[in-house]
Amino acid sequence: MSRNPQTTRGPLRALISAMRPVQWVKNVLIGVAPAAAGEIHNAGVLRHTGAAFVSFCALSSAIYILNDLRDIEQDRQHPKKQYRAIASGQLSKGTAYAASLALAIVAFVVASAIWHPQGLLLILGLYLVISVSYSMFLKQVPVLEFGAVASGFFLRAYAGAVASHLFVSTWFLVVISFGALFLVTGKRSSELKNVGVRGTRQVLSEYTPQFLHSALTLCATVVVTGYCLWAFDTSSTGLSSVHHNIVPIRLTVIPVVFAILFIMRSAEAGNGQSPEDLVLHDRVVQVLGLIWIALVYIGIYG
């Protein structure tokens, strides 16, 4: 097996690469619930949110390393994944196992340091069990693999509320759940169009373009409907409560709808991206996201 000379790394850089820090951008979801509750300026909430963020970064990295250890032979046959730190031999299996265990311990120790940590510890435990189950067998089960991947986003968002014992709106949970399913479905649709059923993800052979199109449309419909109900709800379960500036909150529907349409068009065209790529590289999504953040901040804190 040949190695890419551009990816030659020492042990520390190889370990950091195996931890996939670029994936940590997903953990920003932990801050959504505290921000929507108007508590992001609260010092205690910030400490708990930060602890939850660090815990998820450590635990997710531990799981990424375990996945690479499990898929090492398959990755060595892949044109790109063969250059990953473990598959290329730049990070030994022993070091990888030790690092994974250490990171998992760090995750639970940090979570234990917050006030009444039981809820956050339970969420971390669920995330660990679901992620390991996904790696072991769920990723080969059609439809259920959607839920396994989407649950990671849901648990992150819910952890932000649980860590600080904040009220969670039902509509918030609906939007997060189906938003995650929407992104996963879009990515699968794009993969099927680009690599077909003979791609490296075996479960793609269980899907048809028609099914993925219908699933994508269903998820998009629920996300937009749920978000509109959340944004326009003036009761304690909605963003437009009496404590907020209602107009900017309701205007957030515009960037959300346009982002959904843009992502859906990209997925249908075979250009669907992973959530972290959308956040880090897609200029349209970045601009719409910044507009949404600005409107939410004005509506809640302005």
Protein backbone atom coordinates (compact mmCIF):
# COMPACT_ATOMS: atom_id res chain seq x y z
CA MET A 1 0.00 0.00 0.00
CA SER A 2 1.34 3.39 -0.94
CA ARG A 3 1.29 6.37 1.35
CA ASN A 4 0.60 9.93 0.49
CA PRO A 5 3.81 11.85 1.35
CA GLN A 6 1.75 14.92 2.13
CA THR A 7 0.10 13.12 5.06
CA THR A 8 3.31 12.00 6.83
CA ARG A 9 2.83 12.84 10.51
CA GLY A 10 4.53 12.32 13.83
CA PRO A 11 2.72 10.43 16.63
CA LEU A 12 1.08 13.55 18.13
CA ARG A 13 -0.14 14.91 14.80
CA ALA A 14 -1.34 11.44 13.84
CA LEU A 15 -3.33 11.19 17.08
CA ILE A 16 -4.88 14.62 16.61
CA SER A 17 -5.81 13.68 13.05
CA ALA A 18 -7.45 10.45 14.27
CA MET A 19 -9.49 12.50 16.77
CA ARG A 20 -10.98 14.42 13.81
CA PRO A 21 -11.22 17.85 15.47
CA VAL A 22 -12.99 19.24 12.38
CA GLN A 23 -15.99 17.14 13.46
CA TRP A 24 -16.21 19.09 16.73
CA VAL A 25 -18.12 21.80 14.89
CA LYS A 26 -21.18 19.55 15.33
CA ASN A 27 -20.95 20.17 19.07
CA VAL A 28 -21.90 23.82 18.57
CA LEU A 29 -25.46 22.44 18.73
CA ILE A 30 -24.95 22.19 22.49
CA GLY A 31 -25.21 25.97 22.71
CA VAL A 32 -28.51 26.30 20.83
CA ALA A 33 -30.85 25.54 23.75
CA PRO A 34 -29.11 27.90 26.22
CA ALA A 35 -29.03 30.64 23.58
CA ALA A 36 -32.71 30.21 22.72
CA ALA A 37 -33.58 30.29 26.42
CA GLY A 38 -31.87 33.67 26.78
CA GLU A 39 -29.33 32.26 29.26
CA ILE A 40 -26.16 32.38 27.21
CA HIS A 41 -24.85 35.32 29.29
CA ASN A 42 -25.38 33.41 32.56
CA ALA A 43 -21.97 32.43 33.96
CA GLY A 44 -23.24 29.15 35.43
CA VAL A 45 -24.94 28.17 32.20
CA LEU A 46 -21.79 29.01 30.25
CA ARG A 47 -19.71 26.75 32.51
CA HIS A 48 -22.14 23.86 32.13
CA THR A 49 -22.43 24.38 28.38
CA GLY A 50 -18.64 24.45 28.09
CA ALA A 51 -18.35 21.24 30.11
CA ALA A 52 -20.92 19.54 27.88
CA PHE A 53 -19.06 20.76 24.79
CA VAL A 54 -15.71 19.41 26.02
CA SER A 55 -17.32 16.11 27.04
CA PHE A 56 -18.88 15.58 23.61
CA CYS A 57 -15.65 16.54 21.83
CA ALA A 58 -13.70 13.99 23.86
CA LEU A 59 -16.29 11.20 23.60
CA SER A 60 -16.92 11.69 19.88
CA SER A 61 -13.16 11.58 19.23
CA ALA A 62 -12.92 8.36 21.24
CA ILE A 63 -15.62 6.84 19.05
CA TYR A 64 -13.99 8.05 15.81
CA ILE A 65 -10.78 6.29 16.86
CA LEU A 66 -12.69 3.09 17.68
CA ASN A 67 -14.41 3.23 14.29
CA ASP A 68 -11.08 3.59 12.51
CA LEU A 69 -9.68 0.64 14.44
CA ARG A 70 -12.67 -1.49 13.48
CA ASP A 71 -12.55 -0.45 9.81
CA ILE A 72 -8.78 -0.50 9.41
CA GLU A 73 -8.64 -3.17 6.69
CA GLN A 74 -11.55 -1.66 4.75
CA ASP A 75 -10.01 1.81 4.98
CA ARG A 76 -6.73 0.52 3.55
CA GLN A 77 -8.59 -0.39 0.35
CA HIS A 78 -10.20 3.04 0.06
CA PRO A 79 -8.52 5.66 -2.19
CA LYS A 80 -8.80 8.40 0.45
CA LYS A 81 -9.33 6.67 3.79
CA GLN A 82 -6.10 4.68 3.34
CA TYR A 83 -4.25 7.84 4.42
CA ARG A 84 -6.00 8.07 7.78
CA ALA A 85 -3.60 7.92 10.71
CA ILE A 86 -4.47 4.38 11.85
CA ALA A 87 -4.98 2.82 8.41
CA SER A 88 -1.66 4.23 7.18
CA GLY A 89 0.20 2.91 10.22
CA GLN A 90 1.23 6.35 11.46
CA LEU A 91 -0.69 5.72 14.69
CA SER A 92 -0.21 2.30 16.26
CA LYS A 93 -3.19 0.21 17.35
CA GLY A 94 -2.00 0.16 20.95
CA THR A 95 -1.71 3.93 21.14
CA ALA A 96 -5.08 4.32 19.44
CA TYR A 97 -6.86 2.01 21.92
CA ALA A 98 -5.23 3.78 24.87
CA ALA A 99 -6.14 7.21 23.50
CA SER A 100 -9.74 6.17 22.89
CA LEU A 101 -10.13 4.90 26.45
CA ALA A 102 -8.48 8.01 27.90
CA LEU A 103 -10.73 10.32 25.89
CA ALA A 104 -13.86 8.45 27.01
CA ILE A 105 -12.77 8.74 30.64
CA VAL A 106 -12.10 12.47 30.21
CA ALA A 107 -15.58 12.95 28.74
CA PHE A 108 -17.36 11.41 31.74
CA VAL A 109 -15.04 13.03 34.31
CA VAL A 110 -15.64 16.51 32.87
CA ALA A 111 -19.39 15.92 32.74
CA SER A 112 -19.35 14.76 36.37
CA ALA A 113 -17.91 18.11 37.44
CA ILE A 114 -21.12 20.08 36.74
CA TRP A 115 -23.96 20.63 39.21
CA HIS A 116 -26.31 17.61 39.26
CA PRO A 117 -24.62 15.83 36.32
CA GLN A 118 -26.94 12.80 36.13
CA GLY A 119 -28.84 14.02 33.06
CA LEU A 120 -25.71 14.86 31.08
CA LEU A 121 -24.06 11.58 32.06
CA LEU A 122 -27.14 9.69 30.86
CA ILE A 123 -27.04 11.48 27.50
CA LEU A 124 -23.33 10.75 27.11
CA GLY A 125 -24.02 7.11 27.92
CA LEU A 126 -26.79 6.94 25.32
CA TYR A 127 -24.56 8.59 22.75
CA LEU A 128 -21.81 6.04 23.45
CA VAL A 129 -24.15 3.04 23.23
CA ILE A 130 -25.86 4.23 20.03
CA SER A 131 -22.55 5.16 18.38
CA VAL A 132 -20.95 1.81 19.17
CA SER A 133 -24.11 0.00 18.02
CA TYR A 134 -23.99 1.97 14.78
CA SER A 135 -20.38 1.01 14.20
CA MET A 136 -21.05 -2.65 15.01
CA PHE A 137 -24.26 -3.32 13.05
CA LEU A 138 -26.78 -0.48 12.75
CA LYS A 139 -24.95 1.15 9.84
CA GLN A 140 -25.97 -1.85 7.73
CA VAL A 141 -29.68 -1.57 8.62
CA PRO A 142 -31.61 0.68 6.20
CA VAL A 143 -33.64 3.53 7.71
CA LEU A 144 -32.52 2.67 11.26
CA GLU A 145 -29.06 3.93 10.31
CA PHE A 146 -30.70 7.30 9.62
CA GLY A 147 -31.98 7.40 13.17
CA ALA A 148 -28.66 6.30 14.66
CA VAL A 149 -26.75 9.09 12.92
CA ALA A 150 -29.45 11.70 13.53
CA SER A 151 -29.60 10.80 17.23
CA GLY A 152 -26.09 12.17 17.63
CA PHE A 153 -27.29 15.64 16.62
CA PHE A 154 -30.40 15.38 18.78
CA LEU A 155 -28.44 14.30 21.87
CA ARG A 156 -25.97 17.13 21.43
CA ALA A 157 -28.74 19.73 21.26
CA TYR A 158 -30.62 18.18 24.18
CA ALA A 159 -27.42 17.99 26.25
CA GLY A 160 -27.13 21.78 26.12
CA ALA A 161 -30.46 22.09 27.91
CA VAL A 162 -29.98 19.18 30.31
CA ALA A 163 -26.52 20.33 31.44
CA SER A 164 -28.00 23.57 32.79
CA HIS A 165 -31.45 22.17 33.67
CA LEU A 166 -33.22 24.41 31.16
CA PHE A 167 -36.77 24.00 29.85
CA VAL A 168 -36.88 22.40 26.40
CA SER A 169 -39.63 23.32 23.95
CA THR A 170 -41.41 20.49 22.18
CA TRP A 171 -41.06 22.35 18.89
CA PHE A 172 -37.33 22.70 19.50
CA LEU A 173 -37.03 18.92 19.80
CA VAL A 174 -39.09 18.43 16.62
CA VAL A 175 -36.92 20.82 14.62
CA ILE A 176 -33.65 19.31 15.86
CA SER A 177 -34.80 15.72 15.30
CA PHE A 178 -36.12 16.15 11.78
CA GLY A 179 -33.40 18.64 10.88
CA ALA A 180 -30.83 15.96 11.66
CA LEU A 181 -32.78 13.37 9.64
CA PHE A 182 -32.97 15.86 6.77
CA LEU A 183 -29.19 16.31 6.68
CA VAL A 184 -28.51 12.56 6.90
CA THR A 185 -31.04 11.78 4.17
CA GLY A 186 -29.60 14.48 1.94
CA LYS A 187 -26.10 13.08 2.34
CA ARG A 188 -27.27 9.56 1.47
CA SER A 189 -29.13 10.86 -1.58
CA SER A 190 -26.00 12.58 -2.81
CA GLU A 191 -23.86 9.50 -2.15
CA LEU A 192 -26.26 7.29 -4.12
CA LYS A 193 -26.13 9.66 -7.08
CA ASN A 194 -22.34 9.98 -7.01
CA VAL A 195 -21.07 6.47 -6.23
CA GLY A 196 -24.15 4.26 -6.71
CA VAL A 197 -24.91 1.04 -4.90
CA ARG A 198 -21.33 -0.20 -5.39
CA GLY A 199 -19.97 2.55 -3.15
CA THR A 200 -18.11 1.90 0.09
CA ARG A 201 -21.31 2.40 2.13
CA GLN A 202 -23.01 -0.96 1.66
CA VAL A 203 -26.40 0.19 2.97
CA LEU A 204 -26.83 2.36 -0.15
CA SER A 205 -27.89 -0.76 -2.04
CA GLU A 206 -31.03 -0.83 0.12
CA TYR A 207 -32.21 2.59 -1.10
CA THR A 208 -33.69 3.92 -4.31
CA PRO A 209 -33.55 7.53 -5.52
CA GLN A 210 -37.34 7.71 -5.26
CA PHE A 211 -37.35 6.62 -1.62
CA LEU A 212 -34.61 9.07 -0.63
CA HIS A 213 -36.39 11.88 -2.49
CA SER A 214 -39.62 11.14 -0.60
CA ALA A 215 -37.77 10.92 2.72
CA LEU A 216 -35.96 14.18 2.04
CA THR A 217 -39.23 15.94 1.19
CA LEU A 218 -40.92 14.55 4.30
CA CYS A 219 -38.13 15.68 6.61
CA ALA A 220 -37.93 19.12 4.99
CA THR A 221 -41.69 19.59 5.39
CA VAL A 222 -41.62 18.71 9.08
CA VAL A 223 -38.57 20.91 9.75
CA VAL A 224 -40.10 23.98 8.12
CA THR A 225 -43.52 23.42 9.73
CA GLY A 226 -42.01 22.74 13.15
CA TYR A 227 -39.73 25.75 12.96
CA CYS A 228 -42.59 28.07 11.94
CA LEU A 229 -44.67 26.84 14.87
CA TRP A 230 -41.71 27.32 17.22
CA ALA A 231 -40.91 30.80 15.92
CA PHE A 232 -44.52 32.06 15.92
CA ASP A 233 -45.58 30.46 19.21
CA THR A 234 -46.05 33.21 21.80
CA SER A 235 -46.47 30.82 24.74
CA SER A 236 -43.63 29.61 26.96
CA THR A 237 -42.96 26.79 24.46
CA GLY A 238 -42.08 29.14 21.58
CA LEU A 239 -39.37 31.62 20.68
CA SER A 240 -41.89 34.47 20.30
CA SER A 241 -42.71 34.73 23.99
CA VAL A 242 -43.54 38.02 25.69
CA HIS A 243 -39.92 38.33 26.83
CA HIS A 244 -38.58 38.49 23.29
CA ASN A 245 -38.61 40.96 20.42
CA ILE A 246 -41.12 39.10 18.25
CA VAL A 247 -40.39 40.57 14.80
CA PRO A 248 -36.72 39.45 14.43
CA ILE A 249 -37.60 36.03 15.83
CA ARG A 250 -40.31 35.53 13.24
CA LEU A 251 -38.02 36.79 10.48
CA THR A 252 -35.66 33.89 11.25
CA VAL A 253 -38.08 31.71 9.31
CA ILE A 254 -36.72 33.25 6.07
CA PRO A 255 -33.07 32.09 6.32
CA VAL A 256 -34.23 28.70 7.67
CA VAL A 257 -36.53 28.07 4.69
CA PHE A 258 -33.92 29.23 2.19
CA ALA A 259 -31.25 27.04 3.82
CA ILE A 260 -33.55 24.00 3.66
CA LEU A 261 -34.31 24.66 -0.02
CA PHE A 262 -30.63 25.21 -0.86
CA ILE A 263 -29.49 22.03 0.90
CA MET A 264 -32.33 20.07 -0.67
CA ARG A 265 -31.42 21.29 -4.18
CA SER A 266 -27.76 20.39 -3.58
CA ALA A 267 -28.66 16.90 -2.34
CA GLU A 268 -30.95 16.25 -5.32
CA ALA A 269 -28.15 17.36 -7.65
CA GLY A 270 -25.68 14.98 -6.01
CA ASN A 271 -23.77 17.73 -4.22
CA GLY A 272 -24.98 17.01 -0.70
CA GLN A 273 -22.39 17.58 2.02
CA SER A 274 -21.86 16.49 5.59
CA PRO A 275 -23.03 18.95 8.28
CA GLU A 276 -19.48 19.99 9.18
CA ASP A 277 -18.66 20.67 5.51
CA LEU A 278 -21.79 22.78 5.14
CA VAL A 279 -20.80 24.88 8.14
CA LEU A 280 -17.11 25.18 7.31
CA HIS A 281 -17.08 25.42 3.51
CA ASP A 282 -20.46 26.30 2.00
CA ARG A 283 -20.66 30.08 1.64
CA VAL A 284 -24.42 30.20 1.07
CA VAL A 285 -25.15 28.18 4.21
CA GLN A 286 -22.62 30.26 6.16
CA VAL A 287 -24.31 33.53 5.15
CA LEU A 288 -27.79 32.21 5.91
CA GLY A 289 -26.53 30.88 9.24
CA LEU A 290 -25.04 34.25 10.19
CA ILE A 291 -28.30 36.00 9.28
CA TRP A 292 -30.21 33.52 11.45
CA ILE A 293 -27.81 34.01 14.39
CA ALA A 294 -28.05 37.81 14.10
CA LEU A 295 -31.86 37.77 14.03
CA VAL A 296 -32.10 35.34 16.95
CA TYR A 297 -29.64 37.42 18.99
CA ILE A 298 -31.55 40.64 18.32
CA GLY A 299 -34.86 38.97 19.08
CA ILE A 300 -33.77 37.38 22.35
CA TYR A 301 -31.08 39.70 23.70
CA GLY A 302 -31.71 42.95 21.84
